[in-house]
Amino acid sequence: MTSKTRILLVDDEEAILRFLTPVLNTQGYEVITAGLVAEATKRIAADSPDLVVLDLGLPDGDGKEVIRTVREFSTVPIIVLSARERETEKIEALDLGADDFINKPFGVGELLARMRTALRHRMTNAGETPVLEVEDLTIDNVRHQVTRAGIEVKLTPKEFELLSFLARHAGKVLTHRQILTAVWGPAHTADTQYLRVYIGQLRQKIEREPGDPRIIVTEPGVGYRVADTVTR
């Protein structure tokens, strides 16, 4: 799991890209961009975004060609964001495999909500869990957000990645090596002290009593285990 959900914005209007990029960044998304049909197709193949926001009116062709080509090799969610209002355009884009269609001008709140819905569907279809609950902690893997008793807990991207990985394997004992490999990569399998520091930081933020943790439990000499979760 990467620390951030990656969004590909496909639009040749610089004003749209300048507007949406910081908005999505503040929501915790990593943003990559493309302005041409050919470039968009290559970026989807090479960068494996988690979701695509696609304009149809591109300089080198119709954005529907992106949908047609990408659907031959990828199920990535595609949300069309276009000024074309004719019903036939919407029907054709959806029939080709787009997941949703939003007209320009658009509301940011609506776009974000539709993105979250598409990402939840993708995770569910892939057998992943969009939201996990442990004790009074809620881990939202779509929003990359953690709340405790309804109050947001501020985590760094790496802290969130670590917590999400542990929670997705709740009830199971995970070794230091398994955790380090999954979250930091195979080059860090011996960095157990580094892992202890991060676990300590997490406990300070999510445990009611960090000195007597109930969510992230230490398995002496082995690793860590998260209490059983409720998924939804």
Protein backbone atom coordinates (compact mmCIF):
# COMPACT_ATOMS: atom_id res chain seq x y z
CA MET A 1 0.00 0.00 0.00
CA THR A 2 1.35 3.43 -0.92
CA SER A 3 1.17 6.22 1.63
CA LYS A 4 -1.17 8.26 -0.57
CA THR A 5 -3.94 7.55 -3.04
CA ARG A 6 -2.73 8.61 -6.50
CA ILE A 7 -5.04 10.65 -8.75
CA LEU A 8 -4.38 11.30 -12.45
CA LEU A 9 -5.91 14.58 -13.69
CA VAL A 10 -6.28 14.63 -17.47
CA ASP A 11 -7.09 18.14 -18.71
CA ASP A 12 -5.42 20.62 -21.06
CA GLU A 13 -6.74 23.64 -19.15
CA GLU A 14 -3.93 24.86 -16.92
CA ALA A 15 -6.42 26.79 -14.78
CA ILE A 16 -8.26 23.55 -13.91
CA LEU A 17 -5.01 21.79 -13.03
CA ARG A 18 -3.79 24.73 -10.92
CA PHE A 19 -7.11 24.81 -9.09
CA LEU A 20 -7.66 21.09 -8.50
CA THR A 21 -4.11 20.00 -7.67
CA PRO A 22 -3.79 21.86 -4.33
CA VAL A 23 -7.39 20.99 -3.44
CA LEU A 24 -6.69 17.28 -3.87
CA ASN A 25 -3.32 17.60 -2.11
CA THR A 26 -5.03 19.02 0.97
CA GLN A 27 -7.35 15.99 0.95
CA GLY A 28 -4.31 13.70 1.19
CA TYR A 29 -4.15 12.67 -2.47
CA GLU A 30 -1.02 12.50 -4.61
CA VAL A 31 -1.72 14.21 -7.95
CA ILE A 32 -0.18 13.52 -11.34
CA THR A 33 -1.32 15.23 -14.54
CA ALA A 34 -1.60 14.78 -18.30
CA GLY A 35 -2.92 17.05 -21.06
CA LEU A 36 -3.12 14.74 -24.07
CA VAL A 37 -4.87 11.49 -25.00
CA ALA A 38 -1.58 9.71 -25.72
CA GLU A 39 0.08 11.03 -22.56
CA ALA A 40 -2.89 10.02 -20.38
CA THR A 41 -2.88 6.45 -21.67
CA LYS A 42 0.86 6.11 -21.08
CA ARG A 43 0.63 7.53 -17.56
CA ILE A 44 -2.16 5.15 -16.61
CA ALA A 45 -0.09 2.20 -17.84
CA ALA A 46 3.16 3.38 -16.26
CA ASP A 47 2.06 5.05 -13.02
CA SER A 48 -0.96 2.91 -12.05
CA PRO A 49 -3.11 5.69 -10.56
CA ASP A 50 -5.89 4.76 -8.16
CA LEU A 51 -8.39 7.00 -9.97
CA VAL A 52 -8.55 9.11 -13.15
CA VAL A 53 -10.40 12.42 -13.57
CA LEU A 54 -10.74 12.88 -17.32
CA ASP A 55 -11.73 15.78 -19.59
CA LEU A 56 -13.10 14.78 -22.99
CA GLY A 57 -11.93 17.77 -25.03
CA LEU A 58 -8.19 17.19 -25.43
CA PRO A 59 -5.92 18.75 -28.11
CA ASP A 60 -4.89 15.49 -29.77
CA GLY A 61 -8.24 13.70 -29.71
CA ASP A 62 -11.40 12.80 -27.84
CA GLY A 63 -11.00 11.79 -24.20
CA LYS A 64 -13.32 8.87 -24.86
CA GLU A 65 -10.38 7.28 -26.67
CA VAL A 66 -8.59 7.18 -23.32
CA ILE A 67 -11.50 5.25 -21.82
CA ARG A 68 -11.67 2.87 -24.76
CA THR A 69 -7.93 2.11 -24.72
CA VAL A 70 -7.51 1.92 -20.94
CA ARG A 71 -10.40 -0.49 -20.52
CA GLU A 72 -8.41 -3.02 -22.53
CA PHE A 73 -5.87 -3.35 -19.71
CA SER A 74 -7.12 -1.60 -16.55
CA THR A 75 -10.17 -1.33 -14.28
CA VAL A 76 -9.00 1.96 -12.72
CA PRO A 77 -12.03 4.15 -11.84
CA ILE A 78 -12.53 6.94 -14.39
CA ILE A 79 -14.61 10.02 -13.62
CA VAL A 80 -15.33 12.19 -16.65
CA LEU A 81 -15.26 15.93 -15.91
CA SER A 82 -16.47 17.68 -19.05
CA ALA A 83 -18.29 20.71 -20.45
CA ARG A 84 -20.14 18.46 -22.90
CA GLU A 85 -23.74 18.31 -21.74
CA ARG A 86 -25.37 16.22 -24.48
CA GLU A 87 -26.91 13.04 -23.12
CA THR A 88 -25.39 11.02 -25.97
CA GLU A 89 -21.88 12.04 -24.85
CA LYS A 90 -22.56 10.86 -21.30
CA ILE A 91 -24.09 7.59 -22.47
CA GLU A 92 -21.19 6.82 -24.79
CA ALA A 93 -18.58 7.60 -22.11
CA LEU A 94 -20.36 5.42 -19.55
CA ASP A 95 -20.88 2.60 -22.06
CA LEU A 96 -17.16 2.67 -22.87
CA GLY A 97 -16.38 2.10 -19.18
CA ALA A 98 -16.36 5.45 -17.39
CA ASP A 99 -17.55 5.13 -13.80
CA ASP A 100 -19.14 8.56 -13.48
CA PHE A 101 -19.76 11.80 -15.41
CA ILE A 102 -19.72 15.33 -13.94
CA ASN A 103 -20.50 18.45 -15.95
CA LYS A 104 -18.37 21.59 -15.92
CA PRO A 105 -18.77 23.94 -14.14
CA PHE A 106 -18.65 21.66 -11.11
CA GLY A 107 -18.68 21.83 -7.34
CA VAL A 108 -15.54 20.63 -5.56
CA GLY A 109 -17.58 18.99 -2.82
CA GLU A 110 -19.50 16.92 -5.34
CA LEU A 111 -16.32 15.88 -7.17
CA LEU A 112 -14.65 14.79 -3.92
CA ALA A 113 -17.73 12.81 -2.87
CA ARG A 114 -17.91 11.04 -6.23
CA MET A 115 -14.19 10.27 -6.04
CA ARG A 116 -14.59 8.72 -2.59
CA THR A 117 -17.48 6.60 -3.83
CA ALA A 118 -15.47 5.34 -6.82
CA LEU A 119 -12.45 4.57 -4.63
CA ARG A 120 -14.60 2.68 -2.11
CA HIS A 121 -16.08 0.59 -4.91
CA ARG A 122 -12.63 -0.19 -6.25
CA MET A 123 -11.34 -1.27 -2.85
CA THR A 124 -14.40 -3.42 -2.20
CA ASN A 125 -14.13 -5.10 -5.62
CA ALA A 126 -10.45 -5.80 -4.94
CA GLY A 127 -11.32 -7.47 -1.64
CA GLU A 128 -9.90 -4.59 0.39
CA THR A 129 -11.70 -2.82 3.21
CA PRO A 130 -12.48 0.90 2.88
CA VAL A 131 -13.15 1.49 6.59
CA LEU A 132 -11.82 -0.38 9.64
CA GLU A 133 -12.85 0.08 13.26
CA VAL A 134 -10.77 -0.93 16.29
CA GLU A 135 -12.10 -0.08 19.73
CA ASP A 136 -13.21 3.57 19.33
CA LEU A 137 -10.77 4.13 16.45
CA THR A 138 -11.98 4.46 12.84
CA ILE A 139 -9.48 4.07 9.98
CA ASP A 140 -10.76 5.36 6.63
CA ASN A 141 -8.53 4.00 3.87
CA VAL A 142 -10.25 6.12 1.21
CA ARG A 143 -9.91 9.47 2.96
CA HIS A 144 -6.60 8.45 4.60
CA GLN A 145 -8.16 9.69 7.81
CA VAL A 146 -8.22 8.36 11.37
CA THR A 147 -10.70 9.39 14.05
CA ARG A 148 -10.99 8.41 17.71
CA ALA A 149 -14.45 8.74 19.22
CA GLY A 150 -15.33 10.96 16.28
CA ILE A 151 -12.35 13.32 16.66
CA GLU A 152 -9.71 13.35 13.91
CA VAL A 153 -6.26 12.07 14.83
CA LYS A 154 -3.46 13.74 12.88
CA LEU A 155 -1.05 11.14 11.51
CA THR A 156 1.87 11.47 9.13
CA PRO A 157 1.55 9.54 5.84
CA LYS A 158 3.95 6.86 7.10
CA GLU A 159 2.15 6.55 10.45
CA PHE A 160 -1.13 6.09 8.58
CA GLU A 161 0.41 3.48 6.29
CA LEU A 162 1.77 1.57 9.29
CA LEU A 163 -1.53 1.69 11.19
CA SER A 164 -3.56 0.70 8.13
CA PHE A 165 -1.29 -2.27 7.42
CA LEU A 166 -1.54 -3.50 11.01
CA ALA A 167 -5.32 -3.01 11.09
CA ARG A 168 -5.85 -4.86 7.80
CA HIS A 169 -4.26 -7.88 9.49
CA ALA A 170 -6.08 -7.42 12.79
CA GLY A 171 -6.06 -10.38 15.13
CA LYS A 172 -2.88 -11.77 13.56
CA VAL A 173 0.62 -11.56 14.95
CA LEU A 174 2.89 -9.76 12.48
CA THR A 175 6.64 -10.10 12.80
CA HIS A 176 9.00 -7.14 12.78
CA ARG A 177 10.30 -8.30 9.40
CA GLN A 178 6.81 -8.55 7.87
CA ILE A 179 5.89 -5.06 8.98
CA LEU A 180 9.17 -3.44 7.96
CA THR A 181 9.08 -5.11 4.53
CA ALA A 182 5.48 -4.07 3.83
CA VAL A 183 5.75 -0.47 5.03
CA TRP A 184 9.39 0.51 4.43
CA GLY A 185 10.59 -2.07 1.92
CA PRO A 186 12.96 -5.07 1.95
CA ALA A 187 16.03 -2.88 2.52
CA HIS A 188 14.78 -2.07 6.05
CA THR A 189 14.02 -5.54 7.44
CA ALA A 190 16.58 -5.13 10.22
CA ASP A 191 15.45 -1.67 11.39
CA THR A 192 13.48 -2.91 14.39
CA GLN A 193 14.41 0.09 16.53
CA TYR A 194 13.05 2.37 13.80
CA LEU A 195 9.78 0.42 13.94
CA ARG A 196 9.60 0.71 17.74
CA VAL A 197 9.89 4.50 17.44
CA TYR A 198 6.96 4.64 15.01
CA ILE A 199 4.87 2.29 17.12
CA GLY A 200 5.55 4.51 20.13
CA GLN A 201 4.48 7.60 18.17
CA LEU A 202 1.29 5.89 17.02
CA ARG A 203 0.41 4.76 20.53
CA GLN A 204 0.79 8.31 21.82
CA LYS A 205 -1.78 9.43 19.24
CA ILE A 206 -4.32 6.60 19.20
CA GLU A 207 -4.21 4.85 22.57
CA ARG A 208 -6.14 6.16 25.56
CA GLU A 209 -3.34 4.86 27.79
CA PRO A 210 -0.14 4.61 25.66
CA GLY A 211 1.64 2.85 28.51
CA ASP A 212 -1.00 0.12 28.57
CA PRO A 213 -1.97 -0.21 24.88
CA ARG A 214 -5.19 -1.97 23.87
CA ILE A 215 -5.08 -1.35 20.10
CA ILE A 216 -1.47 -2.11 19.11
CA VAL A 217 -0.30 -4.96 21.31
CA THR A 218 3.33 -6.04 21.58
CA GLU A 219 4.11 -9.71 21.06
CA PRO A 220 7.48 -9.94 22.89
CA GLY A 221 10.35 -11.06 20.71
CA VAL A 222 8.09 -11.45 17.68
CA GLY A 223 6.30 -8.26 16.60
CA TYR A 224 2.89 -6.66 17.02
CA ARG A 225 -0.79 -7.48 16.83
CA VAL A 226 -3.81 -5.23 16.44
CA ALA A 227 -7.02 -6.04 18.25
CA ASP A 228 -9.83 -7.48 16.12
CA THR A 229 -11.47 -4.95 13.80
CA VAL A 230 -14.98 -4.31 12.60
CA THR A 231 -15.07 -3.69 8.83
CA ARG A 232 -17.54 -1.69 6.78
